Amino acid sequence: MADTESLTRALTIHAGVCAAMGSAFSGALLERAAADVTAGGPTRDLFAPWKDAATRSLIAEAAPLRLLGALHDRALSGEDPALAGAYPTAERRGDAQAAWAAGLEAMTADPRRFADFMAHEPQTNEVRRSVCLLGGFLAVARQTGLPLRSLEIAASAGLNQLWDRYRYRLGEVGAWGEETATVAIDTEWRGPPPALDAPVSVIERAACDRKPVDLADPLARRRLRAFIWADQIDRLQRLDAAMEAALAAGVCVEGEDAVSWTKRRARPREGAATVLFHSVFWQYMPAPSQTALTATIEALGALATTAAPFAWLRMEPPPENLAAMEVRLRLWPSGEERLLALVHPHGAWVEWKGDAQG
């Protein structure tokens, strides 16, 4: 089991984060989880894989969010009427106290199910993160004047592969994308707009993940829904629309390690700007893998030319502050790196740091 003090602190911190980000229900569940750990209840044993882990490691590996996902998945399954009946829906608010009581019973009766769910890091595939990355894609298109190869690593179900087919409303500064798009994404936009008039053409899209989510599998779709906070109904509805769009488009995510896939698929090509991108996965990689992937990306950047540029676009927290999120773009052949934006982890707001031309 994880160190009680560190685990309790991690659960309490995440409870506060959930509440601050508009999910009072999730925050209340994690507060009860922290109390159960302190009392030596069944919650504590579920965190055995993080035995002696420090609070920072528990947060970096999203251990509390894994528990939230496991509880939500159980509720979504319909196998536990008491738990499902206590969860929020579009028609009702939900009862965190009743949900926790039912969840404790489920953990006690079937701890292996919860442990199995928690063994893999969260795969939220938050489609609203596309609005955070949009300015980066537009900046590459404007600066290179070339069509884009859109290559995503750690893509989960690949929903952000269709970023150019969504409709975006950037607060009061503008909109981008087809008005008839089935997936509409809005955000609070702070600062000037990016290069909204940049001509964009995606001529290739591909993605990989160590454990891809097969959208044809109802259980896999349920797992994606489980990692959305249950009382954030708009996020769930947006996810459902994006999953339908991805299924209709035949989106494919290859099952492969990010380092080997990047070496194999992301070599710059003449006549196109190759954009390798990712969002909120770096912290889940072991340090040696981070080093190897960085070296691979820089080696590909060294191959770039004006006719075959290479871009590294990512939305990740800086190492010193896992609660913050930055969008950064490095574009070769110059290799210049820029901080484009500070963003909300789920895309609720974007604070643009680039100029109005991207």
Protein backbone atom coordinates (compact mmCIF):
# COMPACT_ATOMS: atom_id res chain seq x y z
CA MET A 1 0.00 0.00 0.00
CA ALA A 2 1.14 3.56 -0.57
CA ASP A 3 2.54 5.61 2.29
CA THR A 4 -0.57 6.76 4.15
CA GLU A 5 0.49 10.36 4.71
CA SER A 6 1.65 10.90 1.13
CA LEU A 7 -1.42 9.18 -0.31
CA THR A 8 -3.83 11.12 1.88
CA ARG A 9 -2.14 14.35 0.85
CA ALA A 10 -2.30 13.46 -2.86
CA LEU A 11 -6.00 12.59 -2.62
CA THR A 12 -6.74 15.80 -0.74
CA ILE A 13 -4.80 17.91 -3.25
CA HIS A 14 -6.64 16.32 -6.17
CA ALA A 15 -9.95 16.80 -4.37
CA GLY A 16 -9.22 20.52 -4.22
CA VAL A 17 -8.18 20.59 -7.88
CA CYS A 18 -11.40 18.88 -8.94
CA ALA A 19 -13.52 21.29 -6.95
CA ALA A 20 -11.60 24.30 -8.28
CA MET A 21 -12.07 23.03 -11.85
CA GLY A 22 -15.81 22.74 -11.52
CA SER A 23 -16.32 19.16 -10.36
CA ALA A 24 -17.66 19.31 -6.82
CA PHE A 25 -18.85 15.69 -7.08
CA SER A 26 -15.37 14.37 -7.92
CA GLY A 27 -13.80 16.50 -5.22
CA ALA A 28 -16.23 15.13 -2.64
CA LEU A 29 -15.44 11.53 -3.63
CA LEU A 30 -11.71 12.09 -3.25
CA GLU A 31 -12.17 13.75 0.13
CA ARG A 32 -13.98 10.62 1.29
CA ALA A 33 -11.24 8.46 -0.23
CA ALA A 34 -8.63 10.36 1.79
CA ALA A 35 -10.62 9.80 4.97
CA ASP A 36 -10.96 6.09 4.17
CA VAL A 37 -7.20 5.76 3.65
CA THR A 38 -6.55 7.40 7.01
CA ALA A 39 -9.00 4.97 8.61
CA GLY A 40 -7.26 1.99 6.99
CA GLY A 41 -10.22 1.17 4.75
CA PRO A 42 -10.28 -0.73 1.43
CA THR A 43 -9.26 2.34 -0.56
CA ARG A 44 -5.76 2.14 0.87
CA ASP A 45 -5.08 -1.34 -0.50
CA LEU A 46 -5.97 -0.27 -4.05
CA PHE A 47 -2.89 1.95 -4.08
CA ALA A 48 -0.46 -0.92 -3.39
CA PRO A 49 1.37 -0.34 -6.73
CA TRP A 50 2.44 3.05 -5.37
CA LYS A 51 3.89 1.67 -2.13
CA ASP A 52 6.08 4.29 -0.48
CA ALA A 53 5.47 6.74 -3.36
CA ALA A 54 5.88 10.40 -2.54
CA THR A 55 2.98 12.79 -2.97
CA ARG A 56 4.55 14.29 -6.11
CA SER A 57 4.86 10.86 -7.73
CA LEU A 58 1.27 9.98 -6.87
CA ILE A 59 0.10 13.21 -8.48
CA ALA A 60 2.39 12.86 -11.51
CA GLU A 61 1.03 9.38 -12.17
CA ALA A 62 -2.54 10.59 -11.56
CA ALA A 63 -3.16 7.86 -8.99
CA PRO A 64 -6.19 9.63 -7.46
CA LEU A 65 -7.73 10.11 -10.91
CA ARG A 66 -7.37 6.39 -11.56
CA LEU A 67 -9.57 5.72 -8.55
CA LEU A 68 -12.14 8.25 -9.78
CA GLY A 69 -12.14 6.56 -13.17
CA ALA A 70 -12.60 3.11 -11.64
CA LEU A 71 -15.60 4.28 -9.64
CA HIS A 72 -17.16 6.04 -12.64
CA ASP A 73 -16.59 3.00 -14.85
CA ARG A 74 -18.41 0.84 -12.33
CA ALA A 75 -21.30 3.31 -12.28
CA LEU A 76 -21.46 3.46 -16.09
CA SER A 77 -21.48 -0.34 -16.37
CA GLY A 78 -25.01 -0.51 -14.93
CA GLU A 79 -23.97 -3.54 -12.87
CA ASP A 80 -24.32 -1.66 -9.60
CA PRO A 81 -27.72 0.09 -9.42
CA ALA A 82 -26.94 1.76 -6.09
CA LEU A 83 -23.74 3.32 -7.40
CA ALA A 84 -25.23 4.26 -10.78
CA GLY A 85 -28.26 5.81 -9.11
CA ALA A 86 -26.07 8.08 -6.99
CA TYR A 87 -24.07 9.44 -9.94
CA PRO A 88 -25.00 12.71 -11.69
CA THR A 89 -26.67 12.77 -15.08
CA ALA A 90 -28.09 15.48 -17.30
CA GLU A 91 -31.33 15.15 -15.32
CA ARG A 92 -30.02 15.01 -11.73
CA ARG A 93 -27.19 16.35 -9.59
CA GLY A 94 -25.91 13.17 -7.97
CA ASP A 95 -25.23 12.29 -4.33
CA ALA A 96 -21.54 11.97 -3.46
CA GLN A 97 -22.20 10.50 -0.02
CA ALA A 98 -24.43 7.74 -1.40
CA ALA A 99 -22.01 7.14 -4.29
CA TRP A 100 -19.08 6.73 -1.91
CA ALA A 101 -21.00 4.30 0.32
CA ALA A 102 -21.89 2.18 -2.72
CA GLY A 103 -18.35 2.48 -4.04
CA LEU A 104 -16.88 1.17 -0.76
CA GLU A 105 -19.12 -1.86 -0.97
CA ALA A 106 -17.98 -2.50 -4.54
CA MET A 107 -14.29 -2.12 -3.64
CA THR A 108 -14.69 -4.59 -0.79
CA ALA A 109 -16.60 -7.11 -2.89
CA ASP A 110 -14.41 -6.93 -6.02
CA PRO A 111 -11.06 -5.23 -5.33
CA ARG A 112 -9.39 -6.93 -8.32
CA ARG A 113 -11.69 -5.16 -10.76
CA PHE A 114 -10.73 -1.78 -9.34
CA ALA A 115 -7.02 -2.67 -9.24
CA ASP A 116 -7.08 -3.81 -12.86
CA PHE A 117 -8.73 -0.59 -14.00
CA MET A 118 -6.21 1.52 -12.08
CA ALA A 119 -3.20 -0.32 -13.50
CA HIS A 120 -3.13 1.80 -16.65
CA GLU A 121 -2.71 5.57 -16.62
CA PRO A 122 -5.75 7.73 -17.44
CA GLN A 123 -6.70 8.02 -21.09
CA THR A 124 -9.11 10.89 -21.06
CA ASN A 125 -8.56 11.86 -24.69
CA GLU A 126 -10.02 15.26 -23.77
CA VAL A 127 -11.08 16.55 -27.19
CA ARG A 128 -11.23 20.13 -25.94
CA ARG A 129 -7.43 20.10 -25.82
CA SER A 130 -7.60 20.53 -29.58
CA VAL A 131 -8.48 24.19 -29.04
CA CYS A 132 -5.29 24.58 -27.00
CA LEU A 133 -3.22 23.11 -29.84
CA LEU A 134 -5.07 24.89 -32.65
CA GLY A 135 -2.91 28.02 -32.52
CA GLY A 136 0.22 25.89 -32.91
CA PHE A 137 -1.07 24.14 -36.02
CA LEU A 138 -2.08 27.50 -37.49
CA ALA A 139 1.33 28.97 -36.68
CA VAL A 140 3.10 26.13 -38.53
CA ALA A 141 0.78 26.47 -41.52
CA ARG A 142 1.32 30.23 -41.72
CA GLN A 143 5.07 30.16 -41.21
CA THR A 144 5.80 27.33 -43.64
CA GLY A 145 3.07 27.88 -46.22
CA LEU A 146 2.90 24.10 -46.63
CA PRO A 147 0.26 21.43 -46.08
CA LEU A 148 0.55 19.54 -42.80
CA ARG A 149 1.34 15.99 -41.81
CA SER A 150 -0.47 15.59 -38.48
CA LEU A 151 1.25 12.92 -36.37
CA GLU A 152 0.19 12.31 -32.77
CA ILE A 153 1.92 10.25 -30.10
CA ALA A 154 0.15 8.93 -26.99
CA ALA A 155 -3.07 9.52 -28.90
CA SER A 156 -5.38 7.28 -26.85
CA ALA A 157 -8.38 6.91 -29.21
CA GLY A 158 -7.05 9.48 -31.68
CA LEU A 159 -9.88 11.98 -31.26
CA ASN A 160 -7.55 14.95 -31.59
CA GLN A 161 -6.44 13.63 -34.97
CA LEU A 162 -9.55 15.33 -36.36
CA TRP A 163 -8.65 18.73 -34.93
CA ASP A 164 -9.07 20.42 -38.33
CA ARG A 165 -12.63 19.11 -38.71
CA TYR A 166 -13.98 20.67 -35.52
CA ARG A 167 -15.66 24.03 -35.06
CA TYR A 168 -13.99 26.36 -32.56
CA ARG A 169 -15.33 29.45 -30.83
CA LEU A 170 -12.45 31.39 -29.30
CA GLY A 171 -14.33 33.52 -26.81
CA GLU A 172 -14.94 36.96 -28.27
CA VAL A 173 -11.93 37.04 -30.63
CA GLY A 174 -13.14 34.79 -33.43
CA ALA A 175 -14.07 31.35 -34.68
CA TRP A 176 -12.41 28.73 -36.84
CA GLY A 177 -13.64 25.64 -38.69
CA GLU A 178 -16.72 24.60 -40.60
CA GLU A 179 -19.97 25.79 -39.07
CA THR A 180 -21.56 22.43 -39.92
CA ALA A 181 -19.01 20.42 -37.90
CA THR A 182 -20.61 17.83 -35.61
CA VAL A 183 -18.12 18.62 -32.84
CA ALA A 184 -18.20 22.19 -31.53
CA ILE A 185 -15.59 23.41 -29.05
CA ASP A 186 -15.68 26.70 -27.23
CA THR A 187 -13.20 28.25 -24.82
CA GLU A 188 -12.48 31.44 -22.95
CA TRP A 189 -9.75 33.08 -25.04
CA ARG A 190 -7.40 35.55 -23.41
CA GLY A 191 -5.16 37.73 -25.54
CA PRO A 192 -5.07 38.23 -29.32
CA PRO A 193 -6.24 35.50 -31.68
CA PRO A 194 -3.76 33.24 -33.48
CA ALA A 195 -3.45 33.23 -37.28
CA LEU A 196 -7.08 32.32 -37.94
CA ASP A 197 -6.76 33.18 -41.63
CA ALA A 198 -3.84 30.80 -42.24
CA PRO A 199 -4.65 28.35 -45.05
CA VAL A 200 -4.66 24.84 -43.56
CA SER A 201 -4.58 21.53 -45.40
CA VAL A 202 -3.90 18.23 -43.62
CA ILE A 203 -2.60 15.74 -46.16
CA GLU A 204 -1.66 12.98 -43.74
CA ARG A 205 -2.77 12.02 -40.25
CA ALA A 206 -1.48 9.16 -38.13
CA ALA A 207 -1.20 8.31 -34.47
CA CYS A 208 0.22 5.83 -31.98
CA ASP A 209 -0.36 4.84 -28.39
CA ARG A 210 1.17 2.22 -26.14
CA LYS A 211 -2.35 0.98 -25.44
CA PRO A 212 -4.73 2.34 -28.11
CA VAL A 213 -8.41 2.71 -27.34
CA ASP A 214 -10.51 0.75 -29.84
CA LEU A 215 -13.62 2.86 -30.36
CA ALA A 216 -15.37 -0.10 -31.94
CA ASP A 217 -15.32 -1.74 -28.50
CA PRO A 218 -18.16 -0.51 -26.22
CA LEU A 219 -16.06 -1.29 -23.12
CA ALA A 220 -13.21 0.85 -24.44
CA ARG A 221 -15.59 3.72 -25.13
CA ARG A 222 -16.91 3.36 -21.60
CA ARG A 223 -13.40 3.60 -20.20
CA LEU A 224 -12.92 6.90 -22.01
CA ARG A 225 -16.17 8.19 -20.56
CA ALA A 226 -15.14 6.98 -17.10
CA PHE A 227 -12.20 9.36 -16.98
CA ILE A 228 -14.44 12.36 -17.59
CA TRP A 229 -15.62 13.83 -14.29
CA ALA A 230 -19.17 12.65 -13.91
CA ASP A 231 -20.79 15.99 -13.11
CA GLN A 232 -19.26 17.72 -16.17
CA ILE A 233 -22.01 16.75 -18.55
CA ASP A 234 -20.83 19.07 -21.34
CA ARG A 235 -17.48 17.26 -21.48
CA LEU A 236 -19.23 13.90 -21.69
CA GLN A 237 -21.48 15.11 -24.49
CA ARG A 238 -18.51 16.53 -26.39
CA LEU A 239 -16.64 13.25 -25.98
CA ASP A 240 -19.60 11.28 -27.32
CA ALA A 241 -19.82 13.52 -30.39
CA ALA A 242 -16.06 13.21 -31.02
CA MET A 243 -16.16 9.42 -30.70
CA GLU A 244 -18.95 9.25 -33.28
CA ALA A 245 -16.95 11.51 -35.61
CA ALA A 246 -13.84 9.36 -35.20
CA LEU A 247 -15.73 6.16 -35.90
CA ALA A 248 -17.28 7.70 -39.00
CA ALA A 249 -13.88 8.90 -40.23
CA GLY A 250 -12.17 5.58 -39.58
CA VAL A 251 -9.54 7.07 -37.29
CA CYS A 252 -6.77 4.55 -36.59
CA VAL A 253 -4.25 4.54 -33.73
CA GLU A 254 -1.28 2.18 -34.06
CA GLY A 255 -0.21 0.25 -30.99
CA GLU A 256 3.45 1.16 -30.57
CA ASP A 257 5.87 2.87 -28.23
CA ALA A 258 6.22 6.60 -28.88
CA VAL A 259 9.98 6.47 -29.42
CA SER A 260 10.04 3.69 -32.00
CA TRP A 261 6.94 5.02 -33.79
CA THR A 262 8.38 8.53 -34.02
CA LYS A 263 11.60 7.18 -35.51
CA ARG A 264 9.63 5.14 -38.03
CA ARG A 265 6.89 7.57 -39.04
CA ALA A 266 7.95 11.16 -38.43
CA ARG A 267 10.91 11.70 -40.75
CA PRO A 268 10.48 15.09 -42.51
CA ARG A 269 9.18 14.96 -46.08
CA GLU A 270 9.66 17.50 -48.82
CA GLY A 271 6.55 19.47 -49.72
CA ALA A 272 4.88 19.21 -46.31
CA ALA A 273 5.34 20.41 -42.77
CA THR A 274 5.58 17.41 -40.45
CA VAL A 275 3.94 18.20 -37.10
CA LEU A 276 4.57 15.77 -34.25
CA PHE A 277 2.24 16.60 -31.38
CA HIS A 278 1.06 15.33 -28.01
CA SER A 279 -0.87 16.48 -24.97
CA VAL A 280 -0.65 15.60 -21.29
CA PHE A 281 1.35 12.41 -21.49
CA TRP A 282 4.96 13.43 -20.87
CA GLN A 283 4.68 13.05 -17.10
CA TYR A 284 3.67 9.41 -17.47
CA MET A 285 6.89 8.51 -19.29
CA PRO A 286 9.89 7.20 -17.34
CA ALA A 287 12.84 9.59 -17.41
CA PRO A 288 14.90 7.37 -19.77
CA SER A 289 12.02 7.33 -22.26
CA GLN A 290 11.70 11.11 -22.06
CA THR A 291 15.40 11.42 -22.83
CA ALA A 292 15.18 8.95 -25.72
CA LEU A 293 12.15 10.64 -27.25
CA THR A 294 13.70 14.09 -26.97
CA ALA A 295 16.85 12.82 -28.69
CA THR A 296 14.77 11.21 -31.44
CA ILE A 297 12.81 14.41 -32.05
CA GLU A 298 15.95 16.54 -32.15
CA ALA A 299 17.55 14.11 -34.61
CA LEU A 300 14.52 14.42 -36.88
CA GLY A 301 14.66 18.19 -36.51
CA ALA A 302 18.25 18.11 -37.70
CA LEU A 303 17.02 16.54 -40.96
CA ALA A 304 14.54 19.35 -41.61
CA THR A 305 14.91 21.86 -44.43
CA THR A 306 12.86 24.82 -45.61
CA ALA A 307 11.16 22.50 -48.07
CA ALA A 308 10.69 19.79 -45.43
CA PRO A 309 10.16 21.52 -42.08
CA PHE A 310 9.58 19.64 -38.85
CA ALA A 311 7.56 20.86 -35.85
CA TRP A 312 7.23 19.61 -32.29
CA LEU A 313 3.96 20.86 -30.81
CA ARG A 314 2.95 19.88 -27.30
CA MET A 315 0.65 20.70 -24.44
CA GLU A 316 2.34 19.62 -21.25
CA PRO A 317 3.06 20.86 -17.73
CA PRO A 318 6.50 22.32 -17.04
CA PRO A 319 8.63 20.00 -14.85
CA GLU A 320 8.56 22.40 -11.92
CA ASN A 321 4.76 22.75 -11.80
CA LEU A 322 2.61 19.78 -12.76
CA ALA A 323 -0.55 21.78 -12.10
CA ALA A 324 0.20 24.25 -14.92
CA MET A 325 -0.14 23.62 -18.65
CA GLU A 326 1.86 25.16 -21.47
CA VAL A 327 1.62 24.91 -25.24
CA ARG A 328 5.06 25.01 -26.79
CA LEU A 329 6.18 24.88 -30.42
CA ARG A 330 9.65 24.10 -31.73
CA LEU A 331 10.02 24.49 -35.48
CA TRP A 332 12.96 23.34 -37.58
CA PRO A 333 15.13 23.97 -39.61
CA SER A 334 15.80 26.92 -37.31
CA GLY A 335 14.99 24.90 -34.19
CA GLU A 336 13.47 27.96 -32.51
CA GLU A 337 11.19 27.16 -29.58
CA ARG A 338 8.35 29.38 -28.39
CA LEU A 339 5.88 29.35 -25.57
CA LEU A 340 2.60 29.86 -27.42
CA ALA A 341 0.06 29.71 -24.61
CA LEU A 342 -0.82 28.92 -21.04
CA VAL A 343 -3.92 26.74 -20.99
CA HIS A 344 -6.49 25.07 -18.77
CA PRO A 345 -5.85 21.29 -18.50
CA HIS A 346 -9.22 20.58 -20.13
CA GLY A 347 -9.18 23.53 -22.55
CA ALA A 348 -11.69 25.70 -20.68
CA TRP A 349 -9.46 28.75 -21.28
CA VAL A 350 -6.43 29.64 -23.37
CA GLU A 351 -4.09 32.53 -22.59
CA TRP A 352 -2.34 33.21 -25.89
CA LYS A 353 1.29 34.33 -25.63
CA GLY A 354 2.07 34.29 -29.34
CA ASP A 355 1.39 37.37 -31.44
CA ALA A 356 -1.77 37.70 -33.49
CA GLN A 357 -0.03 36.05 -36.43
CA GLY A 358 0.82 32.91 -34.50
